[in-house]
Amino acid sequence: MKKHNLLILFIFLCLPWSAAQAQGFPNKTVRLIVPFAAGGSTDIIGRLLAQKLGEAWGQQVIVDNRPGGSTVIGTDIVAKSAPDGHTLLVTPAPFTIVPSLLKKLPYDPARDFEPITLINTTPLVVVVHPGVPAKNVKELIALARAKPGVMNFGSSGSGGSNHLAGELFNAMANTKIVHVPYKGNAPALSDLLGGHVDIVFNGLTSALQFIKSGKLRALGVTSLKRTPALPDLPTLDESGLKGFQAVAWNGLTGPARMPRAAVEKTAGDVARIMRAPDLAEYLKREGSDPVGSTTAEYAAFLNDEIAKWKKVIARAGITSL
């Protein structure tokens, strides 16, 4: 009986402290860790979010770029940070890919983090050189099946998002399109423009100018919904590959045991920010879709992405980094 009473007393004493933590959040500078160097799309999203959250909270919100280790360095900083919500990870797609590529991680992606919200998604676009005799995805699949191991697709490197998108395409379309890795996306796109590779699953933003000028032909987008940037371009899902989704994305993730009220407050504030007309219009112009999901939706998204890419990586025989 004494143990039972002590437990009740402990819970009672903890409740006001937890509530006080939530009411006072944030009570100091918030750090948004970006696991990439400055200047990339995740960094831009982080800086936009830092500005808007700083205005909403009346607290300084700073971006701290911690590149390296295939995003592991920056991610590990958040995993080992104090679970008070003042150090958060601007989380890119590799968060769900790296666990299947690295044999040892200094953190557990399932246990050491608290999902907060999915910030935005950006579809890839399937682009081909105009010399490829395929006008749509169905024709591309037929062409690739007729020439197994002959057609190829370029990517920014082994294990990258656009490499895995190509492997997912192979798996779902039952094709054997050969992967050609490059050291970055720019040389892959350059070789596509030069006709040295047939296909690239490219980020929408950097491909738009070449699509509009006719230097590349777009066959489909890799999101489940059409993109406002190219509203007449069908999704791969519409084109016969049911459920195909391979998008670049950014989320906001905290360390495990972050106070629930702080998680919900942050998720709600980010959702309001992503609905703001000025930011939403900016992202759409850049080919990105604002989201601002619930915590539960983001957690489910992370679980689905980890499971999907683990299966794709195993099927393709991609070796560890």
Protein backbone atom coordinates (compact mmCIF):
# COMPACT_ATOMS: atom_id res chain seq x y z
CA MET A 1 0.00 0.00 0.00
CA LYS A 2 2.87 2.38 0.82
CA LYS A 3 4.43 1.79 -2.58
CA HIS A 4 1.08 2.50 -4.24
CA ASN A 5 0.68 5.77 -2.33
CA LEU A 6 4.24 6.81 -3.16
CA LEU A 7 3.59 6.19 -6.85
CA ILE A 8 0.46 8.36 -6.78
CA LEU A 9 2.39 11.10 -4.96
CA PHE A 10 5.22 10.92 -7.52
CA ILE A 11 2.79 11.26 -10.43
CA PHE A 12 0.99 14.13 -8.69
CA LEU A 13 4.24 15.99 -8.10
CA CYS A 14 5.39 15.50 -11.68
CA LEU A 15 2.23 16.82 -13.29
CA PRO A 16 2.65 20.52 -12.35
CA TRP A 17 6.30 20.41 -13.46
CA SER A 18 5.35 18.91 -16.83
CA ALA A 19 2.60 21.49 -17.30
CA ALA A 20 4.98 24.30 -16.37
CA GLN A 21 7.48 23.04 -18.92
CA ALA A 22 4.84 23.05 -21.64
CA GLN A 23 3.50 26.50 -20.72
CA GLY A 24 6.98 28.00 -20.78
CA PHE A 25 8.09 26.45 -24.06
CA PRO A 26 10.21 27.72 -25.64
CA ASN A 27 12.04 29.58 -22.90
CA LYS A 28 15.42 29.97 -24.61
CA THR A 29 17.01 29.92 -28.06
CA VAL A 30 15.86 27.02 -30.23
CA ARG A 31 18.39 25.32 -32.52
CA LEU A 32 17.28 23.76 -35.79
CA ILE A 33 19.95 21.27 -36.81
CA VAL A 34 20.28 20.91 -40.59
CA PRO A 35 22.41 17.84 -41.45
CA PHE A 36 23.62 19.42 -44.70
CA ALA A 37 25.83 22.34 -45.66
CA ALA A 38 24.22 25.75 -46.16
CA GLY A 39 22.50 26.52 -49.45
CA GLY A 40 20.58 23.34 -50.22
CA SER A 41 16.83 22.85 -50.19
CA THR A 42 16.72 21.48 -46.63
CA ASP A 43 18.78 24.44 -45.42
CA ILE A 44 16.42 26.88 -47.16
CA ILE A 45 13.40 25.23 -45.54
CA GLY A 46 15.15 25.34 -42.17
CA ARG A 47 15.88 29.05 -42.47
CA LEU A 48 12.34 29.90 -43.57
CA LEU A 49 10.98 27.91 -40.64
CA ALA A 50 13.43 29.46 -38.18
CA GLN A 51 12.32 32.95 -39.16
CA LYS A 52 8.61 32.16 -38.93
CA LEU A 53 8.86 30.20 -35.66
CA GLY A 54 10.99 32.95 -34.13
CA GLU A 55 8.27 35.47 -34.95
CA ALA A 56 5.53 33.20 -33.57
CA TRP A 57 7.36 32.29 -30.36
CA GLY A 58 9.10 35.56 -29.55
CA GLN A 59 12.31 33.58 -29.12
CA GLN A 60 15.43 33.34 -31.23
CA VAL A 61 15.40 30.30 -33.54
CA ILE A 62 18.70 29.61 -35.27
CA VAL A 63 19.84 27.20 -37.96
CA ASP A 64 22.91 25.12 -37.13
CA ASN A 65 24.37 23.36 -40.19
CA ARG A 66 26.06 20.07 -39.26
CA PRO A 67 26.87 18.26 -42.52
CA GLY A 68 28.71 14.98 -42.93
CA GLY A 69 28.42 11.25 -42.49
CA SER A 70 25.44 10.92 -44.86
CA THR A 71 23.42 13.14 -42.44
CA VAL A 72 24.42 10.98 -39.44
CA ILE A 73 26.50 13.69 -37.71
CA GLY A 74 23.69 16.24 -37.46
CA THR A 75 21.06 13.61 -36.72
CA ASP A 76 23.10 12.19 -33.84
CA ILE A 77 23.41 15.64 -32.24
CA VAL A 78 19.63 15.79 -31.90
CA ALA A 79 19.38 12.19 -30.68
CA LYS A 80 21.77 13.01 -27.82
CA SER A 81 20.41 16.49 -27.02
CA ALA A 82 18.39 17.40 -23.94
CA PRO A 83 14.76 16.31 -24.53
CA ASP A 84 13.33 19.75 -23.85
CA GLY A 85 12.42 20.69 -27.43
CA HIS A 86 15.08 23.37 -27.84
CA THR A 87 17.19 21.30 -30.24
CA LEU A 88 15.29 19.95 -33.25
CA LEU A 89 16.24 18.23 -36.49
CA VAL A 90 15.15 19.54 -39.88
CA THR A 91 14.81 16.00 -41.13
CA PRO A 92 15.46 15.08 -44.78
CA ALA A 93 14.63 11.89 -46.69
CA PRO A 94 17.96 10.15 -45.87
CA PHE A 95 16.68 9.77 -42.30
CA THR A 96 14.58 6.84 -43.55
CA ILE A 97 17.16 5.52 -46.03
CA VAL A 98 20.45 5.56 -44.11
CA PRO A 99 19.34 2.92 -41.55
CA SER A 100 19.23 0.36 -44.38
CA LEU A 101 22.58 1.45 -45.84
CA LEU A 102 24.79 1.79 -42.76
CA LYS A 103 25.54 -1.28 -40.68
CA LYS A 104 26.11 0.72 -37.50
CA LEU A 105 24.41 3.92 -36.43
CA PRO A 106 25.09 5.83 -33.20
CA TYR A 107 21.32 6.16 -32.71
CA ASP A 108 18.15 4.14 -33.19
CA PRO A 109 15.78 5.94 -35.59
CA ALA A 110 12.78 4.22 -34.03
CA ARG A 111 13.58 4.81 -30.35
CA ASP A 112 15.75 7.92 -30.09
CA PHE A 113 13.48 10.49 -31.76
CA GLU A 114 10.11 12.14 -31.36
CA PRO A 115 8.27 12.80 -34.65
CA ILE A 116 6.78 16.31 -34.71
CA THR A 117 5.51 17.16 -38.21
CA LEU A 118 6.08 16.64 -41.92
CA ILE A 119 6.96 20.10 -43.25
CA ASN A 120 6.88 19.72 -47.03
CA THR A 121 7.27 17.25 -49.87
CA THR A 122 8.82 17.74 -53.31
CA PRO A 123 8.16 15.25 -56.09
CA LEU A 124 10.78 13.96 -58.44
CA VAL A 125 10.02 14.04 -62.14
CA VAL A 126 10.85 11.27 -64.59
CA VAL A 127 12.72 13.04 -67.38
CA VAL A 128 14.18 11.51 -70.52
CA HIS A 129 16.37 12.79 -73.32
CA PRO A 130 14.23 13.77 -76.34
CA GLY A 131 15.93 11.00 -78.28
CA VAL A 132 14.24 8.35 -76.14
CA PRO A 133 11.17 7.18 -78.12
CA ALA A 134 8.73 7.24 -75.20
CA LYS A 135 6.06 9.89 -74.79
CA ASN A 136 4.65 8.64 -71.49
CA VAL A 137 5.37 6.22 -68.65
CA LYS A 138 3.55 3.28 -70.23
CA GLU A 139 5.63 3.62 -73.39
CA LEU A 140 8.80 3.88 -71.29
CA ILE A 141 7.94 0.66 -69.47
CA ALA A 142 7.23 -1.14 -72.75
CA LEU A 143 10.51 0.11 -74.20
CA ALA A 144 12.51 -0.95 -71.14
CA ARG A 145 10.90 -4.38 -71.03
CA ALA A 146 11.71 -4.90 -74.71
CA LYS A 147 15.38 -4.04 -74.03
CA PRO A 148 16.22 -5.40 -70.56
CA GLY A 149 19.60 -4.17 -69.36
CA VAL A 150 20.03 -1.78 -72.29
CA MET A 151 18.38 1.42 -71.05
CA ASN A 152 19.93 3.28 -68.12
CA PHE A 153 19.15 5.96 -65.56
CA GLY A 154 21.54 8.39 -63.91
CA SER A 155 21.50 9.44 -60.26
CA SER A 156 23.35 11.67 -57.82
CA GLY A 157 25.05 8.62 -56.33
CA SER A 158 24.47 5.16 -54.94
CA GLY A 159 21.85 5.11 -52.20
CA GLY A 160 20.54 8.60 -52.95
CA SER A 161 16.85 9.44 -53.24
CA ASN A 162 16.81 9.51 -57.04
CA HIS A 163 18.76 6.24 -57.22
CA LEU A 164 16.20 4.54 -55.00
CA ALA A 165 13.34 6.06 -57.01
CA GLY A 166 14.78 4.35 -60.08
CA GLU A 167 15.09 1.04 -58.24
CA LEU A 168 11.51 1.35 -57.01
CA PHE A 169 10.48 1.94 -60.63
CA ASN A 170 12.34 -1.22 -61.69
CA ALA A 171 10.61 -3.21 -58.96
CA MET A 172 7.09 -1.97 -59.65
CA ALA A 173 7.35 -1.89 -63.46
CA ASN A 174 9.23 -5.20 -63.73
CA THR A 175 12.01 -3.59 -65.76
CA LYS A 176 15.80 -3.84 -65.77
CA ILE A 177 16.99 -0.29 -66.29
CA VAL A 178 20.69 -0.02 -65.39
CA HIS A 179 21.78 2.43 -62.71
CA VAL A 180 24.61 4.87 -63.55
CA PRO A 181 25.81 6.70 -60.41
CA TYR A 182 27.36 10.17 -60.59
CA LYS A 183 29.08 12.34 -58.00
CA GLY A 184 26.14 14.65 -57.53
CA ASN A 185 22.96 15.48 -59.40
CA ALA A 186 24.42 18.20 -61.64
CA PRO A 187 26.66 15.85 -63.68
CA ALA A 188 23.82 13.32 -64.00
CA LEU A 189 21.52 16.01 -65.37
CA SER A 190 24.29 17.28 -67.66
CA ASP A 191 24.80 13.82 -69.15
CA LEU A 192 21.05 13.43 -69.62
CA LEU A 193 20.97 16.71 -71.54
CA GLY A 194 23.88 15.44 -73.63
CA GLY A 195 22.15 12.15 -74.39
CA HIS A 196 24.70 10.02 -72.51
CA VAL A 197 22.05 8.53 -70.21
CA ASP A 198 18.40 7.84 -71.01
CA ILE A 199 16.53 8.74 -67.82
CA VAL A 200 16.94 10.66 -64.58
CA PHE A 201 14.51 10.77 -61.67
CA ASN A 202 15.27 14.40 -61.05
CA GLY A 203 14.21 17.01 -58.53
CA LEU A 204 11.39 19.04 -60.03
CA THR A 205 12.90 22.46 -59.35
CA SER A 206 16.18 21.95 -61.24
CA ALA A 207 14.47 20.15 -64.14
CA LEU A 208 11.69 22.68 -64.81
CA GLN A 209 13.67 25.03 -67.05
CA PHE A 210 14.81 22.16 -69.28
CA ILE A 211 11.31 20.69 -69.48
CA LYS A 212 9.80 24.03 -70.46
CA SER A 213 12.51 24.67 -73.06
CA GLY A 214 12.01 21.23 -74.62
CA LYS A 215 15.54 20.07 -73.85
CA LEU A 216 14.10 17.28 -71.71
CA ARG A 217 10.80 15.40 -71.88
CA ALA A 218 8.87 14.87 -68.65
CA LEU A 219 6.90 11.63 -68.44
CA GLY A 220 5.50 11.71 -64.91
CA VAL A 221 5.86 12.88 -61.33
CA THR A 222 6.63 10.58 -58.42
CA SER A 223 4.12 11.99 -55.93
CA LEU A 224 0.62 10.60 -55.45
CA LYS A 225 -0.89 13.93 -56.51
CA ARG A 226 -0.09 16.04 -59.55
CA THR A 227 2.15 19.03 -58.97
CA PRO A 228 0.81 22.57 -59.52
CA ALA A 229 4.10 23.36 -61.30
CA LEU A 230 3.18 20.91 -64.10
CA PRO A 231 -0.56 20.32 -63.70
CA ASP A 232 -0.95 18.40 -66.97
CA LEU A 233 1.79 15.90 -66.13
CA PRO A 234 0.34 12.64 -64.74
CA THR A 235 1.66 10.85 -61.69
CA LEU A 236 3.28 7.43 -61.98
CA ASP A 237 0.38 6.16 -59.90
CA GLU A 238 -2.03 7.35 -62.61
CA SER A 239 0.22 5.84 -65.26
CA GLY A 240 -0.24 2.28 -64.02
CA LEU A 241 2.26 1.99 -61.16
CA LYS A 242 -0.35 2.00 -58.40
CA GLY A 243 0.86 3.48 -55.13
CA PHE A 244 4.19 4.68 -56.55
CA GLN A 245 5.57 7.43 -54.35
CA ALA A 246 9.17 8.60 -54.11
CA VAL A 247 9.42 12.19 -52.93
CA ALA A 248 12.02 14.41 -51.39
CA TRP A 249 10.74 15.73 -48.08
CA ASN A 250 11.58 17.60 -44.91
CA GLY A 251 10.18 17.02 -41.46
CA LEU A 252 10.76 18.31 -37.96
CA THR A 253 11.92 15.77 -35.39
CA GLY A 254 12.95 16.08 -31.76
CA PRO A 255 14.79 13.85 -29.32
CA ALA A 256 12.91 11.05 -27.59
CA ARG A 257 11.08 11.97 -24.37
CA MET A 258 10.43 15.52 -25.54
CA PRO A 259 7.42 16.83 -23.55
CA ARG A 260 4.20 15.94 -25.35
CA ALA A 261 2.75 19.43 -24.99
CA ALA A 262 5.88 20.93 -26.58
CA VAL A 263 5.60 18.45 -29.46
CA GLU A 264 1.96 19.36 -30.07
CA LYS A 265 2.63 23.09 -29.78
CA THR A 266 5.48 22.92 -32.28
CA ALA A 267 3.49 20.77 -34.71
CA GLY A 268 0.51 23.13 -34.52
CA ASP A 269 2.62 26.23 -35.04
CA VAL A 270 4.43 24.69 -38.02
CA ALA A 271 1.08 23.68 -39.54
CA ARG A 272 -0.17 27.27 -39.26
CA ILE A 273 3.05 28.56 -40.81
CA MET A 274 2.78 26.14 -43.74
CA ARG A 275 -0.80 27.31 -44.39
CA ALA A 276 0.26 30.97 -44.61
CA PRO A 277 -0.43 32.14 -48.19
CA ASP A 278 2.99 33.76 -48.73
CA LEU A 279 4.99 30.68 -47.73
CA ALA A 280 2.64 28.24 -49.43
CA GLU A 281 2.83 30.17 -52.70
CA TYR A 282 6.62 30.39 -52.51
CA LEU A 283 6.95 26.63 -52.02
CA LYS A 284 4.54 25.86 -54.84
CA ARG A 285 6.52 28.09 -57.20
CA GLU A 286 9.58 26.06 -56.26
CA GLY A 287 7.75 22.83 -57.08
CA SER A 288 7.25 21.86 -53.44
CA ASP A 289 4.05 21.10 -51.54
CA PRO A 290 3.56 22.52 -48.02
CA VAL A 291 2.21 19.95 -45.56
CA GLY A 292 2.31 20.68 -41.82
CA SER A 293 0.99 17.26 -40.78
CA THR A 294 -0.13 16.01 -37.41
CA THR A 295 2.38 14.18 -35.25
CA ALA A 296 0.59 10.86 -35.81
CA GLU A 297 0.59 11.34 -39.58
CA TYR A 298 4.31 12.11 -39.58
CA ALA A 299 5.11 9.09 -37.42
CA ALA A 300 3.18 6.82 -39.80
CA PHE A 301 4.92 8.42 -42.79
CA LEU A 302 8.36 7.74 -41.28
CA ASN A 303 7.50 4.11 -40.55
CA ASP A 304 6.20 3.59 -44.09
CA GLU A 305 9.27 5.20 -45.67
CA ILE A 306 11.72 3.15 -43.59
CA ALA A 307 9.93 -0.10 -44.50
CA LYS A 308 9.64 0.81 -48.18
CA TRP A 309 13.28 1.74 -48.71
CA LYS A 310 14.54 -1.22 -46.70
CA LYS A 311 12.70 -3.52 -49.11
CA VAL A 312 13.89 -1.63 -52.22
CA ILE A 313 17.51 -1.58 -51.05
CA ALA A 314 17.46 -5.31 -50.30
CA ARG A 315 15.86 -6.18 -53.65
CA ALA A 316 18.35 -4.05 -55.60
CA GLY A 317 21.31 -5.49 -53.70
CA ILE A 318 22.61 -2.05 -52.76
CA THR A 319 25.62 -2.47 -50.49
CA SER A 320 26.15 -0.57 -47.27
CA LEU A 321 27.82 2.82 -47.44
